[in-house]
Amino acid sequence: EPLLLLLDRITDIRNFGAISRTAEGLGFHAIIIPSKGGALINQEAMNSSAGALAHIPVCRVKNLSGTIQYLQNNGIRVVACTDKGEEIIYRKNLTGPLTLVLGSESDGISAEILAACDDAVKIPMFGKIQSYNVSVSMAIAGAEIIRQRMS
């Protein structure tokens, strides 16, 4: 079953590398990023990914919304992980063909991309800080997806 990661406006190279490392380690099949406005894939990203970028396909697309529509038309559910999500990630069925969407470090997922997604989930927070680093969110959400798939 396809398991994809779509990144909206992730610009920090080290975060992109860390996200890639986690995605590859968890068995995601590919990472989808915008052709403009995303992190560069350079030596720093490769180093931050601990080499994972050599093992996981990265697909640069011109239009993330169009790509989401394409995925949905082909039976792949698209789920955003955002603090704007209504449902806690641990209560949502994340099995089956899936694309996980994560947004930028400062602005989150754009309104256009969020509106195109099938669902939005959030990771609960109990402390005083209002958000996780995007690479940490990837690890938490990705691990929950894999946990559900292994159950």
Protein backbone atom coordinates (compact mmCIF):
# COMPACT_ATOMS: atom_id res chain seq x y z
CA GLU A 1 0.00 0.00 0.00
CA PRO A 2 1.42 3.39 -0.93
CA LEU A 3 2.73 5.51 1.92
CA LEU A 4 3.80 8.94 0.77
CA LEU A 5 4.89 12.18 2.41
CA LEU A 6 3.98 15.59 0.99
CA LEU A 7 5.81 18.63 2.34
CA ASP A 8 4.32 22.11 1.96
CA ARG A 9 6.78 25.00 2.22
CA ILE A 10 9.45 23.17 4.23
CA THR A 11 12.47 25.41 3.65
CA ASP A 12 14.95 24.54 6.38
CA ILE A 13 17.51 22.16 4.89
CA ARG A 14 18.31 20.47 8.19
CA ASN A 15 14.62 19.85 8.94
CA PHE A 16 14.17 18.48 5.42
CA GLY A 17 17.13 16.14 5.96
CA ALA A 18 15.81 14.96 9.33
CA ILE A 19 12.33 14.43 7.88
CA SER A 20 13.80 12.44 4.99
CA ARG A 21 15.80 10.28 7.37
CA THR A 22 12.71 9.47 9.42
CA ALA A 23 10.54 8.86 6.33
CA GLU A 24 13.08 6.47 4.85
CA GLY A 25 13.57 4.70 8.17
CA LEU A 26 9.84 4.18 8.60
CA GLY A 27 9.45 2.81 5.09
CA PHE A 28 7.70 5.69 3.33
CA HIS A 29 7.83 5.13 -0.42
CA ALA A 30 8.48 8.72 -1.58
CA ILE A 31 8.56 12.37 -0.57
CA ILE A 32 6.68 14.97 -2.61
CA ILE A 33 7.89 18.59 -2.51
CA PRO A 34 7.11 21.71 -4.53
CA SER A 35 9.46 22.57 -7.38
CA LYS A 36 9.65 26.12 -6.00
CA GLY A 37 9.66 27.29 -2.41
CA GLY A 38 10.96 24.13 -0.78
CA ALA A 39 14.27 23.13 0.76
CA LEU A 40 17.16 22.53 -1.56
CA ILE A 41 18.49 19.03 -1.94
CA ASN A 42 22.19 19.67 -1.43
CA GLN A 43 25.10 18.27 0.54
CA GLU A 44 23.83 19.77 3.79
CA ALA A 45 20.44 18.10 3.28
CA MET A 46 22.16 14.83 2.40
CA ASN A 47 24.28 15.05 5.56
CA SER A 48 21.24 15.89 7.71
CA SER A 49 19.43 12.89 6.25
CA ALA A 50 22.36 10.60 7.17
CA GLY A 51 22.30 9.45 3.55
CA ALA A 52 18.57 8.65 3.50
CA LEU A 53 18.06 10.98 0.53
CA ALA A 54 20.07 8.50 -1.54
CA HIS A 55 17.47 5.81 -0.77
CA ILE A 56 14.06 7.48 -0.90
CA PRO A 57 12.63 9.06 -4.07
CA VAL A 58 11.97 12.79 -3.87
CA CYS A 59 9.41 14.03 -6.38
CA ARG A 60 9.42 17.74 -7.21
CA VAL A 61 6.03 18.85 -8.54
CA LYS A 62 4.83 22.16 -9.96
CA ASN A 63 1.45 22.10 -8.24
CA LEU A 64 0.89 20.48 -4.84
CA SER A 65 -2.90 20.92 -5.04
CA GLY A 66 -3.00 19.22 -8.42
CA THR A 67 -0.82 16.43 -7.07
CA ILE A 68 -3.17 15.94 -4.13
CA GLN A 69 -6.10 15.70 -6.56
CA TYR A 70 -4.16 13.15 -8.63
CA LEU A 71 -3.42 11.06 -5.55
CA GLN A 72 -7.04 11.17 -4.42
CA ASN A 73 -8.27 10.22 -7.91
CA ASN A 74 -6.04 7.16 -7.65
CA GLY A 75 -7.37 5.98 -4.30
CA ILE A 76 -4.78 7.50 -1.99
CA ARG A 77 -6.18 9.31 1.03
CA VAL A 78 -4.43 12.58 1.92
CA VAL A 79 -4.19 13.44 5.62
CA ALA A 80 -2.74 16.66 6.98
CA CYS A 81 -0.98 16.70 10.33
CA THR A 82 -1.59 20.17 11.75
CA ASP A 83 -2.52 21.95 14.95
CA LYS A 84 -5.69 22.93 13.06
CA GLY A 85 -6.77 19.28 12.94
CA GLU A 86 -10.02 18.40 14.66
CA GLU A 87 -9.18 14.80 15.50
CA ILE A 88 -6.26 13.50 17.54
CA ILE A 89 -3.94 11.38 15.40
CA TYR A 90 -4.19 8.36 17.71
CA ARG A 91 -7.97 8.18 17.17
CA LYS A 92 -7.86 8.30 13.36
CA ASN A 93 -7.61 5.23 11.14
CA LEU A 94 -4.40 5.77 9.16
CA THR A 95 -4.26 2.42 7.39
CA GLY A 96 -4.61 1.93 3.64
CA PRO A 97 -3.05 3.95 0.82
CA LEU A 98 -2.03 7.24 2.45
CA THR A 99 -0.21 10.50 1.95
CA LEU A 100 0.84 12.40 5.09
CA VAL A 101 1.04 16.19 4.66
CA LEU A 102 3.25 18.39 6.83
CA GLY A 103 3.70 22.16 6.63
CA SER A 104 6.35 24.76 7.13
CA GLU A 105 8.16 25.39 10.35
CA SER A 106 6.65 28.85 10.82
CA ASP A 107 3.38 28.94 8.87
CA GLY A 108 2.17 25.35 8.85
CA ILE A 109 0.22 23.96 5.92
CA SER A 110 -1.13 26.59 3.52
CA ALA A 111 -4.91 27.10 3.49
CA GLU A 112 -5.11 25.89 -0.12
CA ILE A 113 -3.30 22.63 0.61
CA LEU A 114 -5.18 22.07 3.87
CA ALA A 115 -8.52 22.51 2.07
CA ALA A 116 -7.49 19.92 -0.54
CA CYS A 117 -6.74 17.23 2.08
CA ASP A 118 -9.26 14.52 2.98
CA ASP A 119 -8.66 14.81 6.73
CA ALA A 120 -6.65 16.79 9.25
CA VAL A 121 -5.27 15.31 12.45
CA LYS A 122 -3.34 16.84 15.30
CA ILE A 123 -0.72 15.61 17.71
CA PRO A 124 -1.78 16.34 21.29
CA MET A 125 0.33 18.73 23.33
CA PHE A 126 0.15 19.08 27.10
CA GLY A 127 2.93 21.54 27.87
CA LYS A 128 3.19 25.28 27.47
CA ILE A 129 4.89 25.19 24.04
CA GLN A 130 2.35 25.41 21.21
CA SER A 131 4.02 23.35 18.49
CA TYR A 132 6.53 20.63 17.75
CA ASN A 133 9.42 21.00 15.33
CA VAL A 134 8.25 19.71 11.93
CA SER A 135 10.80 16.90 11.94
CA VAL A 136 9.56 15.79 15.37
CA SER A 137 5.97 15.92 14.09
CA MET A 138 7.05 13.70 11.20
CA ALA A 139 8.52 11.17 13.62
CA ILE A 140 5.43 11.11 15.84
CA ALA A 141 2.92 10.94 12.97
CA GLY A 142 4.99 8.51 10.92
CA ALA A 143 5.47 6.17 13.87
CA GLU A 144 1.71 6.18 14.54
CA ILE A 145 0.97 5.32 10.90
CA ILE A 146 3.42 2.42 11.01
CA ARG A 147 2.08 1.26 14.39
CA GLN A 148 -1.43 1.08 12.93
CA ARG A 149 -0.23 -0.71 9.81
CA MET A 150 1.56 -3.33 11.91
CA SER A 151 -1.47 -3.97 14.18
